[in-house]
Amino acid sequence: MGRVSGHGSGTARHVCNGLTGTRYAHKLRAFVELLADKEWQARAGAVRAIAAEGSDAASLLVRLKILTGDREPEVMADCFNAILLLDGGDAMPIVTSFAESREPEIREAALLALGTSRRPMPSAICGTALPWWPTGRQRVVSCWRFLLRGRTPRSNSSLA
């Protein structure tokens, strides 16, 4: 298979969609190339395709992408969701480490991924970094309100 990088996000999206779910032995190689594509949509599509693969190799690729970072918060959001899907509770430490990022978009992406994962939040996030973080059913609703309004859930108490 030739290079797929640099052919536009539409072509990259078709490559990812076409290879996902096939038995092609080298599809992860194509996805890795797309992780470094110049267009963020191609990188995000590669992350989603890698997550759909569901293997240990896929998990390692997503972890590597998280650790090396991406300039687009959308790509990092896909990475956080993918690693939580692939590794479940074992992915909590890596995602929670980004919940305290200095970059608001990355922090929000990590928090949203954690909230939508419906996994119990680590006490470090609940009590220390985010003392206002709700528990139970209100967690996802409060997270959305926080992200959409840019304020803490307590400041939105009239919405509860």
C-alpha atoms as a PDB file:
ATOM      1  CA  MET A   1       0.000   0.000   0.000  1.00  0.00           C
ATOM      2  CA  GLY A   2       1.323   3.455  -0.880  1.00  0.00           C
ATOM      3  CA  ARG A   3       1.453   6.545   1.268  1.00  0.00           C
ATOM      4  CA  VAL A   4      -1.921   7.852   2.388  1.00  0.00           C
ATOM      5  CA  SER A   5      -0.676  10.903   4.253  1.00  0.00           C
ATOM      6  CA  GLY A   6      -0.989  14.307   2.616  1.00  0.00           C
ATOM      7  CA  HIS A   7      -3.868  13.422   0.312  1.00  0.00           C
ATOM      8  CA  GLY A   8      -6.488  15.456   2.153  1.00  0.00           C
ATOM      9  CA  SER A   9      -8.763  14.557   5.015  1.00  0.00           C
ATOM     10  CA  GLY A  10     -11.438  13.162   2.677  1.00  0.00           C
ATOM     11  CA  THR A  11      -9.068  10.585   1.234  1.00  0.00           C
ATOM     12  CA  ALA A  12      -7.688   9.803   4.676  1.00  0.00           C
ATOM     13  CA  ARG A  13     -11.205   9.330   6.051  1.00  0.00           C
ATOM     14  CA  HIS A  14     -12.001   6.885   3.236  1.00  0.00           C
ATOM     15  CA  VAL A  15      -8.790   4.968   3.888  1.00  0.00           C
ATOM     16  CA  CYS A  16      -9.621   4.698   7.596  1.00  0.00           C
ATOM     17  CA  ASN A  17     -13.217   3.679   6.952  1.00  0.00           C
ATOM     18  CA  GLY A  18     -12.193   1.213   4.283  1.00  0.00           C
ATOM     19  CA  LEU A  19      -9.536  -0.499   6.379  1.00  0.00           C
ATOM     20  CA  THR A  20     -11.412  -0.591   9.677  1.00  0.00           C
ATOM     21  CA  GLY A  21     -12.827  -4.043  10.209  1.00  0.00           C
ATOM     22  CA  THR A  22     -10.840  -5.693   7.421  1.00  0.00           C
ATOM     23  CA  ARG A  23      -8.279  -8.445   7.813  1.00  0.00           C
ATOM     24  CA  TYR A  24      -5.589  -6.449   6.048  1.00  0.00           C
ATOM     25  CA  ALA A  25      -2.451  -7.294   8.022  1.00  0.00           C
ATOM     26  CA  HIS A  26      -0.806  -3.866   7.718  1.00  0.00           C
ATOM     27  CA  LYS A  27      -3.705  -1.514   8.364  1.00  0.00           C
ATOM     28  CA  LEU A  28      -2.166  -0.169  11.573  1.00  0.00           C
ATOM     29  CA  ARG A  29       0.815   0.969   9.484  1.00  0.00           C
ATOM     30  CA  ALA A  30      -1.513   3.100   7.377  1.00  0.00           C
ATOM     31  CA  PHE A  31      -3.185   4.469  10.503  1.00  0.00           C
ATOM     32  CA  VAL A  32       0.182   5.348  12.070  1.00  0.00           C
ATOM     33  CA  GLU A  33       1.087   7.357   8.995  1.00  0.00           C
ATOM     34  CA  LEU A  34      -2.194   9.232   9.304  1.00  0.00           C
ATOM     35  CA  LEU A  35      -1.463  10.052  12.967  1.00  0.00           C
ATOM     36  CA  ALA A  36       1.230  12.404  11.641  1.00  0.00           C
ATOM     37  CA  ASP A  37      -0.851  13.878   8.797  1.00  0.00           C
ATOM     38  CA  LYS A  38      -0.840  17.671   8.412  1.00  0.00           C
ATOM     39  CA  GLU A  39      -4.652  17.833   8.598  1.00  0.00           C
ATOM     40  CA  TRP A  40      -6.189  17.379  12.037  1.00  0.00           C
ATOM     41  CA  GLN A  41      -9.260  15.616  10.601  1.00  0.00           C
ATOM     42  CA  ALA A  42      -7.021  12.880   9.213  1.00  0.00           C
ATOM     43  CA  ARG A  43      -5.237  12.508  12.560  1.00  0.00           C
ATOM     44  CA  ALA A  44      -8.560  12.355  14.420  1.00  0.00           C
ATOM     45  CA  GLY A  45      -9.907   9.798  11.947  1.00  0.00           C
ATOM     46  CA  ALA A  46      -6.803   7.685  12.408  1.00  0.00           C
ATOM     47  CA  VAL A  47      -7.270   7.704  16.188  1.00  0.00           C
ATOM     48  CA  ARG A  48     -10.916   6.589  15.829  1.00  0.00           C
ATOM     49  CA  ALA A  49      -9.917   3.870  13.363  1.00  0.00           C
ATOM     50  CA  ILE A  50      -7.163   2.651  15.664  1.00  0.00           C
ATOM     51  CA  ALA A  51      -9.636   2.525  18.548  1.00  0.00           C
ATOM     52  CA  ALA A  52     -12.006   0.444  16.423  1.00  0.00           C
ATOM     53  CA  GLU A  53      -9.182  -2.054  15.958  1.00  0.00           C
ATOM     54  CA  GLY A  54      -9.359  -2.858  19.666  1.00  0.00           C
ATOM     55  CA  SER A  55      -5.996  -4.610  20.023  1.00  0.00           C
ATOM     56  CA  ASP A  56      -3.057  -4.178  22.386  1.00  0.00           C
ATOM     57  CA  ALA A  57      -1.127  -2.603  19.528  1.00  0.00           C
ATOM     58  CA  ALA A  58      -3.968  -0.126  19.022  1.00  0.00           C
ATOM     59  CA  SER A  59      -3.885   0.788  22.700  1.00  0.00           C
ATOM     60  CA  LEU A  60      -0.146   1.403  22.554  1.00  0.00           C
ATOM     61  CA  LEU A  61      -0.477   3.621  19.473  1.00  0.00           C
ATOM     62  CA  VAL A  62      -3.147   5.750  21.127  1.00  0.00           C
ATOM     63  CA  ARG A  63      -1.074   6.023  24.315  1.00  0.00           C
ATOM     64  CA  LEU A  64       1.904   7.153  22.243  1.00  0.00           C
ATOM     65  CA  LYS A  65      -0.213   9.787  20.512  1.00  0.00           C
ATOM     66  CA  ILE A  66      -1.453  11.040  23.890  1.00  0.00           C
ATOM     67  CA  LEU A  67       2.076  11.248  25.273  1.00  0.00           C
ATOM     68  CA  THR A  68       3.459  13.028  22.204  1.00  0.00           C
ATOM     69  CA  GLY A  69       0.418  15.313  22.071  1.00  0.00           C
ATOM     70  CA  ASP A  70      -1.325  17.102  19.249  1.00  0.00           C
ATOM     71  CA  ARG A  71      -1.838  20.791  18.611  1.00  0.00           C
ATOM     72  CA  GLU A  72      -5.563  20.252  17.967  1.00  0.00           C
ATOM     73  CA  PRO A  73      -7.771  19.644  21.010  1.00  0.00           C
ATOM     74  CA  GLU A  74     -10.198  17.609  18.878  1.00  0.00           C
ATOM     75  CA  VAL A  75      -7.496  15.036  18.184  1.00  0.00           C
ATOM     76  CA  MET A  76      -6.606  14.826  21.859  1.00  0.00           C
ATOM     77  CA  ALA A  77     -10.291  14.433  22.737  1.00  0.00           C
ATOM     78  CA  ASP A  78     -10.512  11.480  20.345  1.00  0.00           C
ATOM     79  CA  CYS A  79      -7.357  10.051  21.941  1.00  0.00           C
ATOM     80  CA  PHE A  80      -8.800  10.327  25.451  1.00  0.00           C
ATOM     81  CA  ASN A  81     -12.055   8.672  24.401  1.00  0.00           C
ATOM     82  CA  ALA A  82     -10.179   5.974  22.487  1.00  0.00           C
ATOM     83  CA  ILE A  83      -7.854   5.025  25.329  1.00  0.00           C
ATOM     84  CA  LEU A  84     -10.751   4.831  27.790  1.00  0.00           C
ATOM     85  CA  LEU A  85     -12.565   2.570  25.333  1.00  0.00           C
ATOM     86  CA  LEU A  86      -9.521   0.392  24.712  1.00  0.00           C
ATOM     87  CA  ASP A  87      -8.098   0.125  28.228  1.00  0.00           C
ATOM     88  CA  GLY A  88     -11.048   0.924  30.471  1.00  0.00           C
ATOM     89  CA  GLY A  89     -10.055   1.682  34.049  1.00  0.00           C
ATOM     90  CA  ASP A  90      -6.366   1.179  33.264  1.00  0.00           C
ATOM     91  CA  ALA A  91      -6.532   4.359  31.166  1.00  0.00           C
ATOM     92  CA  MET A  92      -7.787   6.555  34.003  1.00  0.00           C
ATOM     93  CA  PRO A  93      -4.323   7.689  35.191  1.00  0.00           C
ATOM     94  CA  ILE A  94      -3.184   8.913  31.780  1.00  0.00           C
ATOM     95  CA  VAL A  95      -6.437  10.770  31.073  1.00  0.00           C
ATOM     96  CA  THR A  96      -6.675  12.275  34.558  1.00  0.00           C
ATOM     97  CA  SER A  97      -3.119  13.561  34.199  1.00  0.00           C
ATOM     98  CA  PHE A  98      -4.440  15.803  31.402  1.00  0.00           C
ATOM     99  CA  ALA A  99      -7.426  16.952  33.486  1.00  0.00           C
ATOM    100  CA  GLU A 100      -5.035  19.363  35.184  1.00  0.00           C
ATOM    101  CA  SER A 101      -3.471  20.658  31.946  1.00  0.00           C
ATOM    102  CA  ARG A 102      -2.650  24.352  31.687  1.00  0.00           C
ATOM    103  CA  GLU A 103      -4.279  24.356  28.266  1.00  0.00           C
ATOM    104  CA  PRO A 104      -8.035  24.827  28.818  1.00  0.00           C
ATOM    105  CA  GLU A 105      -9.045  22.950  25.656  1.00  0.00           C
ATOM    106  CA  ILE A 106      -6.979  19.894  26.590  1.00  0.00           C
ATOM    107  CA  ARG A 107      -8.228  20.004  30.178  1.00  0.00           C
ATOM    108  CA  GLU A 108     -11.827  20.208  28.951  1.00  0.00           C
ATOM    109  CA  ALA A 109     -11.303  17.338  26.512  1.00  0.00           C
ATOM    110  CA  ALA A 110      -9.896  15.135  29.291  1.00  0.00           C
ATOM    111  CA  LEU A 111     -12.695  16.044  31.709  1.00  0.00           C
ATOM    112  CA  LEU A 112     -15.358  15.433  29.118  1.00  0.00           C
ATOM    113  CA  ALA A 113     -13.859  12.050  28.198  1.00  0.00           C
ATOM    114  CA  LEU A 114     -13.730  11.101  31.876  1.00  0.00           C
ATOM    115  CA  GLY A 115     -17.307  12.233  32.421  1.00  0.00           C
ATOM    116  CA  THR A 116     -18.719  10.430  29.422  1.00  0.00           C
ATOM    117  CA  SER A 117     -16.803   7.266  30.277  1.00  0.00           C
ATOM    118  CA  ARG A 118     -19.146   6.892  33.285  1.00  0.00           C
ATOM    119  CA  ARG A 119     -16.286   5.516  35.345  1.00  0.00           C
ATOM    120  CA  PRO A 120     -15.811   6.616  38.944  1.00  0.00           C
ATOM    121  CA  MET A 121     -13.614   9.685  39.111  1.00  0.00           C
ATOM    122  CA  PRO A 122     -10.310   9.301  40.935  1.00  0.00           C
ATOM    123  CA  SER A 123     -10.271  11.033  44.308  1.00  0.00           C
ATOM    124  CA  ALA A 124      -7.389  13.254  43.182  1.00  0.00           C
ATOM    125  CA  ILE A 125      -9.655  14.789  40.576  1.00  0.00           C
ATOM    126  CA  CYS A 126     -12.810  14.841  42.696  1.00  0.00           C
ATOM    127  CA  GLY A 127     -11.370  16.305  45.852  1.00  0.00           C
ATOM    128  CA  THR A 128      -8.214  18.207  45.081  1.00  0.00           C
ATOM    129  CA  ALA A 129      -8.080  19.447  41.513  1.00  0.00           C
ATOM    130  CA  LEU A 130     -11.833  19.837  41.117  1.00  0.00           C
ATOM    131  CA  PRO A 131     -13.399  20.247  44.571  1.00  0.00           C
ATOM    132  CA  TRP A 132     -16.717  21.217  42.957  1.00  0.00           C
ATOM    133  CA  TRP A 133     -16.872  17.982  40.896  1.00  0.00           C
ATOM    134  CA  PRO A 134     -20.294  16.345  41.417  1.00  0.00           C
ATOM    135  CA  THR A 135     -20.938  12.684  42.000  1.00  0.00           C
ATOM    136  CA  GLY A 136     -23.502  10.264  40.643  1.00  0.00           C
ATOM    137  CA  ARG A 137     -25.970  11.158  37.929  1.00  0.00           C
ATOM    138  CA  GLN A 138     -25.216  14.876  38.023  1.00  0.00           C
ATOM    139  CA  ARG A 139     -21.605  14.321  36.905  1.00  0.00           C
ATOM    140  CA  VAL A 140     -22.166  14.281  33.143  1.00  0.00           C
ATOM    141  CA  VAL A 141     -24.792  17.051  33.205  1.00  0.00           C
ATOM    142  CA  SER A 142     -22.560  19.269  35.322  1.00  0.00           C
ATOM    143  CA  CYS A 143     -19.569  18.613  33.101  1.00  0.00           C
ATOM    144  CA  TRP A 144     -21.521  19.665  30.019  1.00  0.00           C
ATOM    145  CA  ARG A 145     -22.767  22.807  31.762  1.00  0.00           C
ATOM    146  CA  PHE A 146     -19.258  23.657  32.862  1.00  0.00           C
ATOM    147  CA  LEU A 147     -17.834  23.186  29.378  1.00  0.00           C
ATOM    148  CA  LEU A 148     -20.625  25.095  27.651  1.00  0.00           C
ATOM    149  CA  ARG A 149     -20.672  28.022  30.039  1.00  0.00           C
ATOM    150  CA  GLY A 150     -17.056  28.133  31.176  1.00  0.00           C
ATOM    151  CA  ARG A 151     -18.037  28.256  34.849  1.00  0.00           C
ATOM    152  CA  THR A 152     -18.130  25.778  37.685  1.00  0.00           C
ATOM    153  CA  PRO A 153     -21.360  23.849  38.314  1.00  0.00           C
ATOM    154  CA  ARG A 154     -21.886  25.722  41.608  1.00  0.00           C
ATOM    155  CA  SER A 155     -22.053  29.017  39.757  1.00  0.00           C
ATOM    156  CA  ASN A 156     -24.784  27.475  37.614  1.00  0.00           C
ATOM    157  CA  SER A 157     -26.853  26.363  40.623  1.00  0.00           C
ATOM    158  CA  SER A 158     -29.992  27.964  39.204  1.00  0.00           C
ATOM    159  CA  LEU A 159     -29.819  25.466  36.336  1.00  0.00           C
ATOM    160  CA  ALA A 160     -29.874  22.373  38.573  1.00  0.00           C
END
